[in-house]
């Protein structure tokens, strides 16, 4: 599998994940919906940063396959406009991946609904830099 193929596969998976995240965001929040939203947020974020990594690697960027360096490089490459927000997204994702705390789940759900789905994640999908 070529590097370009990895990017195309990741982008397709990311677009599907983003659509699934938007599906659940449109629903009224219940415990089950909140849990689903958090799970979809986690895998959408994972696909977003990996997609950016594959694209940058294909463009000749020398970047380590780690989230923080990828966020910084994505900002330099103009794939994202707000690296601080992406760091916040990474931190929220990290908070939800290993434990369950209902208060934190409510906080993360509100963050996803207000910050992530209000234009941040779609910027990866719609970026002309991926053409």
C-alpha atoms as a PDB file:
ATOM      1  CA  UNK A   1       0.000   0.000   0.000  1.00  0.00           C
ATOM      2  CA  UNK A   2       1.449   3.354  -1.000  1.00  0.00           C
ATOM      3  CA  UNK A   3       1.568   6.371   1.286  1.00  0.00           C
ATOM      4  CA  UNK A   4      -1.050   8.127  -0.858  1.00  0.00           C
ATOM      5  CA  UNK A   5      -3.370   5.159  -0.470  1.00  0.00           C
ATOM      6  CA  UNK A   6      -3.075   5.401   3.321  1.00  0.00           C
ATOM      7  CA  UNK A   7      -4.149   9.027   3.174  1.00  0.00           C
ATOM      8  CA  UNK A   8      -7.124   8.275   0.903  1.00  0.00           C
ATOM      9  CA  UNK A   9      -8.268   5.430   3.154  1.00  0.00           C
ATOM     10  CA  UNK A  10      -7.877   7.575   6.274  1.00  0.00           C
ATOM     11  CA  UNK A  11      -9.743  10.466   4.659  1.00  0.00           C
ATOM     12  CA  UNK A  12     -12.635   8.190   3.663  1.00  0.00           C
ATOM     13  CA  UNK A  13     -12.797   6.758   7.178  1.00  0.00           C
ATOM     14  CA  UNK A  14     -12.572  10.230   8.703  1.00  0.00           C
ATOM     15  CA  UNK A  15     -15.428  11.536   6.556  1.00  0.00           C
ATOM     16  CA  UNK A  16     -17.611   8.608   7.625  1.00  0.00           C
ATOM     17  CA  UNK A  17     -16.691   9.113  11.268  1.00  0.00           C
ATOM     18  CA  UNK A  18     -17.436  12.824  11.068  1.00  0.00           C
ATOM     19  CA  UNK A  19     -20.841  12.115   9.545  1.00  0.00           C
ATOM     20  CA  UNK A  20     -21.547   9.649  12.373  1.00  0.00           C
ATOM     21  CA  UNK A  21     -20.495  12.245  14.954  1.00  0.00           C
ATOM     22  CA  UNK A  22     -22.826  14.823  13.429  1.00  0.00           C
ATOM     23  CA  UNK A  23     -25.674  12.268  13.511  1.00  0.00           C
ATOM     24  CA  UNK A  24     -25.425  11.866  17.261  1.00  0.00           C
ATOM     25  CA  UNK A  25     -24.864  15.576  17.932  1.00  0.00           C
ATOM     26  CA  UNK A  26     -28.237  16.241  16.295  1.00  0.00           C
ATOM     27  CA  UNK A  27     -30.002  14.063  18.881  1.00  0.00           C
ATOM     28  CA  UNK A  28     -31.289  15.168  22.264  1.00  0.00           C
ATOM     29  CA  UNK A  29     -28.877  14.174  24.986  1.00  0.00           C
ATOM     30  CA  UNK A  30     -29.523  11.145  27.150  1.00  0.00           C
ATOM     31  CA  UNK A  31     -26.977   8.973  28.943  1.00  0.00           C
ATOM     32  CA  UNK A  32     -26.831   6.611  25.965  1.00  0.00           C
ATOM     33  CA  UNK A  33     -26.590   9.429  23.423  1.00  0.00           C
ATOM     34  CA  UNK A  34     -23.841  11.099  25.479  1.00  0.00           C
ATOM     35  CA  UNK A  35     -21.849   7.864  25.614  1.00  0.00           C
ATOM     36  CA  UNK A  36     -22.273   7.410  21.876  1.00  0.00           C
ATOM     37  CA  UNK A  37     -21.237  11.002  21.219  1.00  0.00           C
ATOM     38  CA  UNK A  38     -18.062  10.586  23.269  1.00  0.00           C
ATOM     39  CA  UNK A  39     -17.142   7.342  21.527  1.00  0.00           C
ATOM     40  CA  UNK A  40     -17.707   8.883  18.109  1.00  0.00           C
ATOM     41  CA  UNK A  41     -15.736  11.966  19.129  1.00  0.00           C
ATOM     42  CA  UNK A  42     -12.810   9.771  20.163  1.00  0.00           C
ATOM     43  CA  UNK A  43     -12.563   7.846  16.920  1.00  0.00           C
ATOM     44  CA  UNK A  44     -13.220  10.941  14.789  1.00  0.00           C
ATOM     45  CA  UNK A  45     -10.395  12.788  16.504  1.00  0.00           C
ATOM     46  CA  UNK A  46      -8.053   9.823  16.069  1.00  0.00           C
ATOM     47  CA  UNK A  47      -8.815   9.662  12.370  1.00  0.00           C
ATOM     48  CA  UNK A  48      -8.433  13.445  11.995  1.00  0.00           C
ATOM     49  CA  UNK A  49      -4.883  13.616  13.312  1.00  0.00           C
ATOM     50  CA  UNK A  50      -3.835  10.462  11.478  1.00  0.00           C
ATOM     51  CA  UNK A  51      -5.298  11.841   8.258  1.00  0.00           C
ATOM     52  CA  UNK A  52      -3.320  15.053   8.715  1.00  0.00           C
ATOM     53  CA  UNK A  53      -0.182  13.003   9.391  1.00  0.00           C
ATOM     54  CA  UNK A  54      -0.585  10.954   6.201  1.00  0.00           C
ATOM     55  CA  UNK A  55      -1.216  14.054   4.115  1.00  0.00           C
ATOM     56  CA  UNK A  56       1.801  15.883   5.507  1.00  0.00           C
ATOM     57  CA  UNK A  57       4.026  12.830   5.070  1.00  0.00           C
ATOM     58  CA  UNK A  58       2.878  12.608   1.445  1.00  0.00           C
ATOM     59  CA  UNK A  59       3.848  16.267   1.010  1.00  0.00           C
ATOM     60  CA  UNK A  60       7.363  15.605   2.307  1.00  0.00           C
ATOM     61  CA  UNK A  61       6.904  17.033   5.802  1.00  0.00           C
ATOM     62  CA  UNK A  62       9.186  15.434   8.361  1.00  0.00           C
ATOM     63  CA  UNK A  63       6.850  14.903  11.296  1.00  0.00           C
ATOM     64  CA  UNK A  64       6.785  12.275  14.015  1.00  0.00           C
ATOM     65  CA  UNK A  65       3.624  10.180  14.176  1.00  0.00           C
ATOM     66  CA  UNK A  66       2.626  11.702  17.505  1.00  0.00           C
ATOM     67  CA  UNK A  67      -0.316  13.968  18.149  1.00  0.00           C
ATOM     68  CA  UNK A  68       1.388  17.116  19.496  1.00  0.00           C
ATOM     69  CA  UNK A  69       3.989  17.402  16.711  1.00  0.00           C
ATOM     70  CA  UNK A  70       1.299  16.682  14.127  1.00  0.00           C
ATOM     71  CA  UNK A  71      -0.947  19.442  15.484  1.00  0.00           C
ATOM     72  CA  UNK A  72       1.951  21.926  15.350  1.00  0.00           C
ATOM     73  CA  UNK A  73       2.912  20.837  11.810  1.00  0.00           C
ATOM     74  CA  UNK A  74      -0.716  20.936  10.648  1.00  0.00           C
ATOM     75  CA  UNK A  75      -0.902  24.554  11.776  1.00  0.00           C
ATOM     76  CA  UNK A  76       2.335  25.385   9.905  1.00  0.00           C
ATOM     77  CA  UNK A  77       0.898  23.689   6.801  1.00  0.00           C
ATOM     78  CA  UNK A  78      -2.374  25.628   7.235  1.00  0.00           C
ATOM     79  CA  UNK A  79      -4.459  22.485   7.658  1.00  0.00           C
ATOM     80  CA  UNK A  80      -5.814  23.852  10.918  1.00  0.00           C
ATOM     81  CA  UNK A  81      -6.238  27.439  12.072  1.00  0.00           C
ATOM     82  CA  UNK A  82      -6.333  27.064  15.859  1.00  0.00           C
ATOM     83  CA  UNK A  83      -3.696  24.742  17.327  1.00  0.00           C
ATOM     84  CA  UNK A  84      -4.757  25.664  20.891  1.00  0.00           C
ATOM     85  CA  UNK A  85      -8.244  24.384  20.187  1.00  0.00           C
ATOM     86  CA  UNK A  86      -6.796  21.168  18.756  1.00  0.00           C
ATOM     87  CA  UNK A  87      -4.680  20.772  21.913  1.00  0.00           C
ATOM     88  CA  UNK A  88      -7.876  21.217  23.948  1.00  0.00           C
ATOM     89  CA  UNK A  89      -9.582  18.593  21.792  1.00  0.00           C
ATOM     90  CA  UNK A  90      -6.660  16.220  22.335  1.00  0.00           C
ATOM     91  CA  UNK A  91      -6.824  16.813  26.097  1.00  0.00           C
ATOM     92  CA  UNK A  92     -10.582  16.186  26.213  1.00  0.00           C
ATOM     93  CA  UNK A  93     -10.145  13.026  24.146  1.00  0.00           C
ATOM     94  CA  UNK A  94      -7.415  11.833  26.537  1.00  0.00           C
ATOM     95  CA  UNK A  95      -9.691  12.477  29.519  1.00  0.00           C
ATOM     96  CA  UNK A  96     -12.384  10.147  28.213  1.00  0.00           C
ATOM     97  CA  UNK A  97     -10.384   7.255  26.873  1.00  0.00           C
ATOM     98  CA  UNK A  98      -9.358   5.371  30.019  1.00  0.00           C
ATOM     99  CA  UNK A  99     -11.957   6.010  32.704  1.00  0.00           C
ATOM    100  CA  UNK A 100     -15.600   6.924  33.037  1.00  0.00           C
ATOM    101  CA  UNK A 101     -16.731   9.800  35.183  1.00  0.00           C
ATOM    102  CA  UNK A 102     -20.244  11.078  34.577  1.00  0.00           C
ATOM    103  CA  UNK A 103     -19.440  14.702  35.406  1.00  0.00           C
ATOM    104  CA  UNK A 104     -16.517  14.611  32.977  1.00  0.00           C
ATOM    105  CA  UNK A 105     -18.716  12.938  30.352  1.00  0.00           C
ATOM    106  CA  UNK A 106     -21.235  15.792  30.603  1.00  0.00           C
ATOM    107  CA  UNK A 107     -18.392  18.307  30.288  1.00  0.00           C
ATOM    108  CA  UNK A 108     -16.860  16.561  27.258  1.00  0.00           C
ATOM    109  CA  UNK A 109     -20.240  16.239  25.566  1.00  0.00           C
ATOM    110  CA  UNK A 110     -20.850  19.967  25.961  1.00  0.00           C
ATOM    111  CA  UNK A 111     -17.343  20.685  24.635  1.00  0.00           C
ATOM    112  CA  UNK A 112     -17.904  18.501  21.568  1.00  0.00           C
ATOM    113  CA  UNK A 113     -21.272  20.081  20.852  1.00  0.00           C
ATOM    114  CA  UNK A 114     -20.024  23.661  21.288  1.00  0.00           C
ATOM    115  CA  UNK A 115     -16.423  23.610  20.058  1.00  0.00           C
ATOM    116  CA  UNK A 116     -15.714  20.526  17.980  1.00  0.00           C
ATOM    117  CA  UNK A 117     -18.845  20.408  15.855  1.00  0.00           C
ATOM    118  CA  UNK A 118     -19.027  24.140  15.309  1.00  0.00           C
ATOM    119  CA  UNK A 119     -16.504  24.129  12.508  1.00  0.00           C
ATOM    120  CA  UNK A 120     -13.297  22.622  13.807  1.00  0.00           C
ATOM    121  CA  UNK A 121     -13.516  19.030  12.671  1.00  0.00           C
ATOM    122  CA  UNK A 122     -15.118  19.860   9.310  1.00  0.00           C
ATOM    123  CA  UNK A 123     -12.072  21.992   8.463  1.00  0.00           C
ATOM    124  CA  UNK A 124     -10.050  18.829   7.966  1.00  0.00           C
ATOM    125  CA  UNK A 125     -12.612  17.390   5.569  1.00  0.00           C
ATOM    126  CA  UNK A 126     -13.119  20.543   3.557  1.00  0.00           C
ATOM    127  CA  UNK A 127      -9.516  21.663   3.415  1.00  0.00           C
ATOM    128  CA  UNK A 128      -8.388  22.273  -0.160  1.00  0.00           C
ATOM    129  CA  UNK A 129      -4.923  21.320   1.054  1.00  0.00           C
ATOM    130  CA  UNK A 130      -5.980  17.691   0.604  1.00  0.00           C
ATOM    131  CA  UNK A 131      -6.585  18.043  -3.120  1.00  0.00           C
END
